[in-house]
């Protein structure tokens, strides 16, 4: 098969995939609207029931709370799904990875302090610029840092290190948390795969999608009971590669 014939086979498949992704995003948006109406009316119904003091009203309030909780879970899932499906080509501009890391760590410092987690930063001050989209990259880093902090129930340490490789700028995120087994590590970047109760399973896939949209890659190593290490690598623009 020639290269041209191969492209003819791949392009229709890609177009079909993009059509299905767009359809799924539209469907999720359509579900979101009536779900918001259900949530609002459950809140109003709970207010009415709270004014009636009877065993029936109390049972009804409990049931309304269950419905509200499921509405909130579905709304969170739809938000994550829409964020995942809407991520397309993004406009990249030169920027410094350290600046993005510092901003994200500052946002989580209070949580780290409250959970007795020591955050160690080893940021190379001589990092070359990479091409990045600040908002989306910070969203990806926030997901990774949040997961790391939540894995350390009894305190611990998060090591954050940036450095230069031969053709990339790299970031290590190393926690001393609970870690995961090989099967979980193998599947954690797949959409809807989650070991967290109530998790959407879209946080890490979205983070990976964002990093790949930057031309980068992400890998993970983990050991149960010892912790997890994520490695992110971003290409240095060719004009900056020696």
C-alpha atoms as a PDB file:
ATOM      1  CA  UNK A   1       0.000   0.000   0.000  1.00  0.00           C
ATOM      2  CA  UNK A   2       1.366   3.432  -0.936  1.00  0.00           C
ATOM      3  CA  UNK A   3       1.604   6.321   1.521  1.00  0.00           C
ATOM      4  CA  UNK A   4      -1.120   8.155  -0.403  1.00  0.00           C
ATOM      5  CA  UNK A   5      -3.446   5.145  -0.187  1.00  0.00           C
ATOM      6  CA  UNK A   6      -2.731   4.861   3.535  1.00  0.00           C
ATOM      7  CA  UNK A   7      -3.640   8.529   4.057  1.00  0.00           C
ATOM      8  CA  UNK A   8      -6.886   7.968   2.125  1.00  0.00           C
ATOM      9  CA  UNK A   9      -7.760   5.224   4.638  1.00  0.00           C
ATOM     10  CA  UNK A  10      -6.753   7.193   7.714  1.00  0.00           C
ATOM     11  CA  UNK A  11      -8.371  10.535   6.900  1.00  0.00           C
ATOM     12  CA  UNK A  12     -11.970   9.203   6.689  1.00  0.00           C
ATOM     13  CA  UNK A  13     -11.413   7.376   9.974  1.00  0.00           C
ATOM     14  CA  UNK A  14     -10.137  10.555  11.600  1.00  0.00           C
ATOM     15  CA  UNK A  15     -13.049  12.551  10.193  1.00  0.00           C
ATOM     16  CA  UNK A  16     -15.489   9.943  11.521  1.00  0.00           C
ATOM     17  CA  UNK A  17     -13.839  10.022  14.940  1.00  0.00           C
ATOM     18  CA  UNK A  18     -14.013  13.823  15.072  1.00  0.00           C
ATOM     19  CA  UNK A  19     -17.674  13.708  14.009  1.00  0.00           C
ATOM     20  CA  UNK A  20     -18.486  11.262  16.810  1.00  0.00           C
ATOM     21  CA  UNK A  21     -16.532  13.338  19.334  1.00  0.00           C
ATOM     22  CA  UNK A  22     -18.466  16.443  18.308  1.00  0.00           C
ATOM     23  CA  UNK A  23     -21.758  14.553  18.535  1.00  0.00           C
ATOM     24  CA  UNK A  24     -20.865  13.251  21.999  1.00  0.00           C
ATOM     25  CA  UNK A  25     -20.005  16.765  23.139  1.00  0.00           C
ATOM     26  CA  UNK A  26     -23.305  18.109  21.808  1.00  0.00           C
ATOM     27  CA  UNK A  27     -25.218  15.308  23.524  1.00  0.00           C
ATOM     28  CA  UNK A  28     -23.464  16.007  26.832  1.00  0.00           C
ATOM     29  CA  UNK A  29     -24.388  19.689  26.516  1.00  0.00           C
ATOM     30  CA  UNK A  30     -28.027  18.798  25.850  1.00  0.00           C
ATOM     31  CA  UNK A  31     -28.094  16.536  28.920  1.00  0.00           C
ATOM     32  CA  UNK A  32     -26.564  19.289  31.048  1.00  0.00           C
ATOM     33  CA  UNK A  33     -29.493  21.688  30.587  1.00  0.00           C
ATOM     34  CA  UNK A  34     -32.366  19.459  31.850  1.00  0.00           C
ATOM     35  CA  UNK A  35     -30.087  18.135  34.590  1.00  0.00           C
ATOM     36  CA  UNK A  36     -29.620  21.695  35.851  1.00  0.00           C
ATOM     37  CA  UNK A  37     -33.418  22.112  35.903  1.00  0.00           C
ATOM     38  CA  UNK A  38     -33.797  18.890  37.912  1.00  0.00           C
ATOM     39  CA  UNK A  39     -31.144  20.061  40.371  1.00  0.00           C
ATOM     40  CA  UNK A  40     -32.818  23.449  40.830  1.00  0.00           C
ATOM     41  CA  UNK A  41     -36.245  21.927  41.415  1.00  0.00           C
ATOM     42  CA  UNK A  42     -34.906  19.397  43.906  1.00  0.00           C
ATOM     43  CA  UNK A  43     -33.475  22.328  45.872  1.00  0.00           C
ATOM     44  CA  UNK A  44     -36.859  24.097  45.787  1.00  0.00           C
ATOM     45  CA  UNK A  45     -38.669  20.901  46.788  1.00  0.00           C
ATOM     46  CA  UNK A  46     -36.288  20.446  49.725  1.00  0.00           C
ATOM     47  CA  UNK A  47     -37.042  23.985  50.907  1.00  0.00           C
ATOM     48  CA  UNK A  48     -40.788  23.228  50.832  1.00  0.00           C
ATOM     49  CA  UNK A  49     -40.369  19.912  52.644  1.00  0.00           C
ATOM     50  CA  UNK A  50     -38.193  21.459  55.344  1.00  0.00           C
ATOM     51  CA  UNK A  51     -41.175  23.580  56.404  1.00  0.00           C
ATOM     52  CA  UNK A  52     -43.229  20.462  57.137  1.00  0.00           C
ATOM     53  CA  UNK A  53     -42.357  18.598  60.324  1.00  0.00           C
ATOM     54  CA  UNK A  54     -43.512  15.027  59.821  1.00  0.00           C
ATOM     55  CA  UNK A  55     -41.962  11.572  59.347  1.00  0.00           C
ATOM     56  CA  UNK A  56     -43.033  11.577  55.690  1.00  0.00           C
ATOM     57  CA  UNK A  57     -41.379  14.933  54.980  1.00  0.00           C
ATOM     58  CA  UNK A  58     -38.167  13.841  56.714  1.00  0.00           C
ATOM     59  CA  UNK A  59     -38.035  10.663  54.599  1.00  0.00           C
ATOM     60  CA  UNK A  60     -38.731  12.733  51.509  1.00  0.00           C
ATOM     61  CA  UNK A  61     -35.920  15.136  52.414  1.00  0.00           C
ATOM     62  CA  UNK A  62     -33.505  12.210  52.685  1.00  0.00           C
ATOM     63  CA  UNK A  63     -34.544  11.011  49.252  1.00  0.00           C
ATOM     64  CA  UNK A  64     -34.219  14.518  47.842  1.00  0.00           C
ATOM     65  CA  UNK A  65     -30.672  14.654  49.210  1.00  0.00           C
ATOM     66  CA  UNK A  66     -29.863  11.428  47.360  1.00  0.00           C
ATOM     67  CA  UNK A  67     -31.213  12.855  44.102  1.00  0.00           C
ATOM     68  CA  UNK A  68     -29.290  16.098  44.662  1.00  0.00           C
ATOM     69  CA  UNK A  69     -26.071  14.204  45.267  1.00  0.00           C
ATOM     70  CA  UNK A  70     -26.497  12.228  42.048  1.00  0.00           C
ATOM     71  CA  UNK A  71     -27.297  15.425  40.132  1.00  0.00           C
ATOM     72  CA  UNK A  72     -24.094  17.013  41.404  1.00  0.00           C
ATOM     73  CA  UNK A  73     -22.114  13.921  40.450  1.00  0.00           C
ATOM     74  CA  UNK A  74     -23.565  13.925  36.924  1.00  0.00           C
ATOM     75  CA  UNK A  75     -22.957  17.661  36.543  1.00  0.00           C
ATOM     76  CA  UNK A  76     -19.302  17.185  37.527  1.00  0.00           C
ATOM     77  CA  UNK A  77     -18.974  14.293  35.080  1.00  0.00           C
ATOM     78  CA  UNK A  78     -20.474  16.361  32.265  1.00  0.00           C
ATOM     79  CA  UNK A  79     -18.145  19.296  33.030  1.00  0.00           C
ATOM     80  CA  UNK A  80     -15.137  16.989  32.838  1.00  0.00           C
ATOM     81  CA  UNK A  81     -16.423  15.333  29.681  1.00  0.00           C
ATOM     82  CA  UNK A  82     -17.085  18.630  27.914  1.00  0.00           C
ATOM     83  CA  UNK A  83     -13.627  19.865  28.891  1.00  0.00           C
ATOM     84  CA  UNK A  84     -12.148  16.675  27.457  1.00  0.00           C
ATOM     85  CA  UNK A  85     -14.066  16.753  24.149  1.00  0.00           C
ATOM     86  CA  UNK A  86     -13.578  20.482  23.553  1.00  0.00           C
ATOM     87  CA  UNK A  87      -9.801  20.310  23.765  1.00  0.00           C
ATOM     88  CA  UNK A  88      -8.638  20.832  20.208  1.00  0.00           C
ATOM     89  CA  UNK A  89      -5.668  22.630  18.743  1.00  0.00           C
ATOM     90  CA  UNK A  90      -4.532  25.351  21.143  1.00  0.00           C
ATOM     91  CA  UNK A  91      -2.507  28.487  20.490  1.00  0.00           C
ATOM     92  CA  UNK A  92       0.962  28.077  21.947  1.00  0.00           C
ATOM     93  CA  UNK A  93       3.262  30.961  22.846  1.00  0.00           C
ATOM     94  CA  UNK A  94       6.775  30.976  24.339  1.00  0.00           C
ATOM     95  CA  UNK A  95       6.758  30.695  28.113  1.00  0.00           C
ATOM     96  CA  UNK A  96       8.620  29.341  31.111  1.00  0.00           C
ATOM     97  CA  UNK A  97       7.602  26.023  32.641  1.00  0.00           C
ATOM     98  CA  UNK A  98       8.856  27.088  36.076  1.00  0.00           C
ATOM     99  CA  UNK A  99       6.357  29.970  36.133  1.00  0.00           C
ATOM    100  CA  UNK A 100       3.477  27.555  35.505  1.00  0.00           C
ATOM    101  CA  UNK A 101       4.697  25.171  38.200  1.00  0.00           C
ATOM    102  CA  UNK A 102       5.110  27.935  40.804  1.00  0.00           C
ATOM    103  CA  UNK A 103       1.590  29.250  40.126  1.00  0.00           C
ATOM    104  CA  UNK A 104       0.054  25.788  40.574  1.00  0.00           C
ATOM    105  CA  UNK A 105       2.022  24.973  43.730  1.00  0.00           C
ATOM    106  CA  UNK A 106       1.077  28.310  45.270  1.00  0.00           C
ATOM    107  CA  UNK A 107      -2.601  27.441  44.706  1.00  0.00           C
ATOM    108  CA  UNK A 108      -2.188  24.169  46.635  1.00  0.00           C
ATOM    109  CA  UNK A 109       0.206  25.296  49.369  1.00  0.00           C
ATOM    110  CA  UNK A 110      -2.534  25.773  51.977  1.00  0.00           C
ATOM    111  CA  UNK A 111      -3.870  22.263  51.330  1.00  0.00           C
ATOM    112  CA  UNK A 112      -0.356  20.815  51.534  1.00  0.00           C
ATOM    113  CA  UNK A 113       0.264  22.578  54.856  1.00  0.00           C
ATOM    114  CA  UNK A 114      -3.057  21.393  56.285  1.00  0.00           C
ATOM    115  CA  UNK A 115      -2.312  17.794  55.243  1.00  0.00           C
ATOM    116  CA  UNK A 116       1.269  17.906  56.602  1.00  0.00           C
ATOM    117  CA  UNK A 117       2.812  17.470  53.161  1.00  0.00           C
ATOM    118  CA  UNK A 118       6.267  18.917  52.580  1.00  0.00           C
ATOM    119  CA  UNK A 119       6.599  20.309  49.052  1.00  0.00           C
ATOM    120  CA  UNK A 120      10.199  20.312  47.834  1.00  0.00           C
ATOM    121  CA  UNK A 121      10.945  22.439  44.755  1.00  0.00           C
ATOM    122  CA  UNK A 122      14.066  21.960  42.639  1.00  0.00           C
ATOM    123  CA  UNK A 123      13.440  24.245  39.685  1.00  0.00           C
ATOM    124  CA  UNK A 124      16.250  24.761  37.184  1.00  0.00           C
ATOM    125  CA  UNK A 125      16.611  28.557  36.821  1.00  0.00           C
ATOM    126  CA  UNK A 126      18.191  28.166  33.369  1.00  0.00           C
ATOM    127  CA  UNK A 127      15.285  26.431  31.663  1.00  0.00           C
ATOM    128  CA  UNK A 128      14.829  27.487  28.026  1.00  0.00           C
ATOM    129  CA  UNK A 129      11.402  28.679  26.931  1.00  0.00           C
ATOM    130  CA  UNK A 130       8.877  26.181  25.615  1.00  0.00           C
ATOM    131  CA  UNK A 131       5.718  26.743  23.606  1.00  0.00           C
ATOM    132  CA  UNK A 132       2.748  26.603  25.945  1.00  0.00           C
ATOM    133  CA  UNK A 133      -0.841  27.589  26.593  1.00  0.00           C
ATOM    134  CA  UNK A 134      -0.860  28.827  30.175  1.00  0.00           C
ATOM    135  CA  UNK A 135      -4.470  28.141  31.191  1.00  0.00           C
ATOM    136  CA  UNK A 136      -4.666  24.595  29.853  1.00  0.00           C
ATOM    137  CA  UNK A 137      -1.178  23.628  31.036  1.00  0.00           C
ATOM    138  CA  UNK A 138      -1.938  24.875  34.537  1.00  0.00           C
ATOM    139  CA  UNK A 139      -5.177  22.859  34.494  1.00  0.00           C
ATOM    140  CA  UNK A 140      -3.188  19.709  33.661  1.00  0.00           C
ATOM    141  CA  UNK A 141      -0.603  20.408  36.374  1.00  0.00           C
ATOM    142  CA  UNK A 142      -3.322  21.141  38.925  1.00  0.00           C
ATOM    143  CA  UNK A 143      -4.880  17.753  38.268  1.00  0.00           C
ATOM    144  CA  UNK A 144      -1.543  15.986  38.783  1.00  0.00           C
ATOM    145  CA  UNK A 145      -0.668  17.927  41.939  1.00  0.00           C
ATOM    146  CA  UNK A 146      -4.168  17.439  43.367  1.00  0.00           C
ATOM    147  CA  UNK A 147      -3.937  13.682  42.788  1.00  0.00           C
ATOM    148  CA  UNK A 148      -0.514  13.593  44.439  1.00  0.00           C
ATOM    149  CA  UNK A 149      -1.717  15.444  47.538  1.00  0.00           C
ATOM    150  CA  UNK A 150      -4.832  13.285  47.845  1.00  0.00           C
ATOM    151  CA  UNK A 151      -2.696  10.134  47.736  1.00  0.00           C
ATOM    152  CA  UNK A 152      -0.923  11.139  50.979  1.00  0.00           C
ATOM    153  CA  UNK A 153      -3.538  10.696  53.692  1.00  0.00           C
ATOM    154  CA  UNK A 154      -1.027  10.707  56.552  1.00  0.00           C
ATOM    155  CA  UNK A 155       1.302  13.443  55.351  1.00  0.00           C
ATOM    156  CA  UNK A 156       4.335  12.950  53.180  1.00  0.00           C
ATOM    157  CA  UNK A 157       6.497  14.675  50.639  1.00  0.00           C
ATOM    158  CA  UNK A 158       5.997  15.964  47.118  1.00  0.00           C
ATOM    159  CA  UNK A 159       9.167  16.574  45.125  1.00  0.00           C
ATOM    160  CA  UNK A 160       8.808  18.863  42.119  1.00  0.00           C
ATOM    161  CA  UNK A 161      11.818  19.100  39.833  1.00  0.00           C
ATOM    162  CA  UNK A 162      12.412  20.741  36.460  1.00  0.00           C
ATOM    163  CA  UNK A 163      15.473  20.110  34.324  1.00  0.00           C
ATOM    164  CA  UNK A 164      16.795  20.023  30.777  1.00  0.00           C
ATOM    165  CA  UNK A 165      17.332  16.880  28.728  1.00  0.00           C
ATOM    166  CA  UNK A 166      19.011  16.711  25.328  1.00  0.00           C
ATOM    167  CA  UNK A 167      15.935  17.914  23.426  1.00  0.00           C
ATOM    168  CA  UNK A 168      13.302  18.647  26.037  1.00  0.00           C
ATOM    169  CA  UNK A 169      12.344  20.481  29.187  1.00  0.00           C
ATOM    170  CA  UNK A 170      11.227  17.964  31.785  1.00  0.00           C
ATOM    171  CA  UNK A 171       9.184  18.024  34.973  1.00  0.00           C
ATOM    172  CA  UNK A 172       9.149  15.337  37.667  1.00  0.00           C
ATOM    173  CA  UNK A 173       6.326  15.086  40.203  1.00  0.00           C
ATOM    174  CA  UNK A 174       7.239  12.521  42.861  1.00  0.00           C
ATOM    175  CA  UNK A 175       4.990  11.780  45.837  1.00  0.00           C
ATOM    176  CA  UNK A 176       5.325   9.437  48.795  1.00  0.00           C
ATOM    177  CA  UNK A 177       1.666   8.474  48.683  1.00  0.00           C
ATOM    178  CA  UNK A 178      -0.172   5.177  48.506  1.00  0.00           C
ATOM    179  CA  UNK A 179       0.921   4.380  44.960  1.00  0.00           C
ATOM    180  CA  UNK A 180      -0.974   2.170  42.519  1.00  0.00           C
ATOM    181  CA  UNK A 181      -0.516  -1.322  41.125  1.00  0.00           C
ATOM    182  CA  UNK A 182       0.749  -2.063  37.614  1.00  0.00           C
ATOM    183  CA  UNK A 183      -2.736  -2.616  36.207  1.00  0.00           C
ATOM    184  CA  UNK A 184      -3.959   0.773  37.441  1.00  0.00           C
ATOM    185  CA  UNK A 185      -0.822   2.509  36.158  1.00  0.00           C
ATOM    186  CA  UNK A 186      -1.382   0.895  32.761  1.00  0.00           C
ATOM    187  CA  UNK A 187      -4.978   2.130  32.464  1.00  0.00           C
ATOM    188  CA  UNK A 188      -5.008   5.430  34.388  1.00  0.00           C
ATOM    189  CA  UNK A 189      -4.838   7.570  31.236  1.00  0.00           C
ATOM    190  CA  UNK A 190      -7.847   5.854  29.660  1.00  0.00           C
ATOM    191  CA  UNK A 191     -11.113   7.865  29.689  1.00  0.00           C
ATOM    192  CA  UNK A 192     -13.559   6.899  32.465  1.00  0.00           C
ATOM    193  CA  UNK A 193     -11.066   4.622  34.232  1.00  0.00           C
ATOM    194  CA  UNK A 194     -11.018   5.609  37.893  1.00  0.00           C
ATOM    195  CA  UNK A 195     -10.259   3.983  41.227  1.00  0.00           C
ATOM    196  CA  UNK A 196     -11.771   6.907  43.165  1.00  0.00           C
ATOM    197  CA  UNK A 197     -15.318   6.660  44.441  1.00  0.00           C
ATOM    198  CA  UNK A 198     -17.359   9.172  42.472  1.00  0.00           C
ATOM    199  CA  UNK A 199     -14.438  10.036  40.189  1.00  0.00           C
ATOM    200  CA  UNK A 200     -15.178  10.833  36.549  1.00  0.00           C
ATOM    201  CA  UNK A 201     -12.090   9.078  35.229  1.00  0.00           C
ATOM    202  CA  UNK A 202     -11.393  12.043  32.940  1.00  0.00           C
ATOM    203  CA  UNK A 203      -8.874  14.067  34.961  1.00  0.00           C
ATOM    204  CA  UNK A 204      -5.715  12.210  33.944  1.00  0.00           C
ATOM    205  CA  UNK A 205      -6.841  11.575  30.330  1.00  0.00           C
ATOM    206  CA  UNK A 206      -7.520  15.299  29.980  1.00  0.00           C
ATOM    207  CA  UNK A 207      -4.117  16.113  31.481  1.00  0.00           C
ATOM    208  CA  UNK A 208      -2.452  13.777  29.014  1.00  0.00           C
ATOM    209  CA  UNK A 209      -4.417  15.261  26.121  1.00  0.00           C
ATOM    210  CA  UNK A 210      -3.305  18.772  27.133  1.00  0.00           C
ATOM    211  CA  UNK A 211       0.334  17.741  27.423  1.00  0.00           C
ATOM    212  CA  UNK A 212       0.223  16.014  24.043  1.00  0.00           C
ATOM    213  CA  UNK A 213      -1.368  19.135  22.538  1.00  0.00           C
ATOM    214  CA  UNK A 214       1.837  20.875  23.665  1.00  0.00           C
ATOM    215  CA  UNK A 215       3.849  18.340  21.686  1.00  0.00           C
ATOM    216  CA  UNK A 216       4.882  16.714  24.962  1.00  0.00           C
ATOM    217  CA  UNK A 217       4.454  13.365  26.636  1.00  0.00           C
ATOM    218  CA  UNK A 218       3.731  12.046  30.108  1.00  0.00           C
ATOM    219  CA  UNK A 219       4.780   8.782  31.747  1.00  0.00           C
ATOM    220  CA  UNK A 220       4.179   7.252  35.166  1.00  0.00           C
ATOM    221  CA  UNK A 221       5.967   4.900  37.537  1.00  0.00           C
ATOM    222  CA  UNK A 222       4.292   3.760  40.740  1.00  0.00           C
ATOM    223  CA  UNK A 223       4.658   1.249  43.535  1.00  0.00           C
ATOM    224  CA  UNK A 224       1.957   0.378  46.030  1.00  0.00           C
ATOM    225  CA  UNK A 225       2.808   1.759  49.455  1.00  0.00           C
ATOM    226  CA  UNK A 226       5.765   3.806  48.238  1.00  0.00           C
ATOM    227  CA  UNK A 227       4.433   6.473  45.901  1.00  0.00           C
ATOM    228  CA  UNK A 228       4.144   7.651  42.323  1.00  0.00           C
ATOM    229  CA  UNK A 229       6.352   9.510  39.877  1.00  0.00           C
ATOM    230  CA  UNK A 230       5.029  11.388  36.866  1.00  0.00           C
ATOM    231  CA  UNK A 231       7.476  12.605  34.235  1.00  0.00           C
ATOM    232  CA  UNK A 232       6.402  15.297  31.769  1.00  0.00           C
ATOM    233  CA  UNK A 233       8.574  16.224  28.798  1.00  0.00           C
ATOM    234  CA  UNK A 234       8.066  19.198  26.505  1.00  0.00           C
ATOM    235  CA  UNK A 235       9.994  19.810  23.286  1.00  0.00           C
ATOM    236  CA  UNK A 236      12.349  22.749  23.082  1.00  0.00           C
ATOM    237  CA  UNK A 237      11.596  24.806  19.952  1.00  0.00           C
ATOM    238  CA  UNK A 238      14.070  23.890  17.226  1.00  0.00           C
ATOM    239  CA  UNK A 239      15.625  27.320  17.146  1.00  0.00           C
ATOM    240  CA  UNK A 240      16.626  26.814  20.786  1.00  0.00           C
ATOM    241  CA  UNK A 241      18.051  23.326  20.394  1.00  0.00           C
ATOM    242  CA  UNK A 242      21.824  23.330  20.272  1.00  0.00           C
END
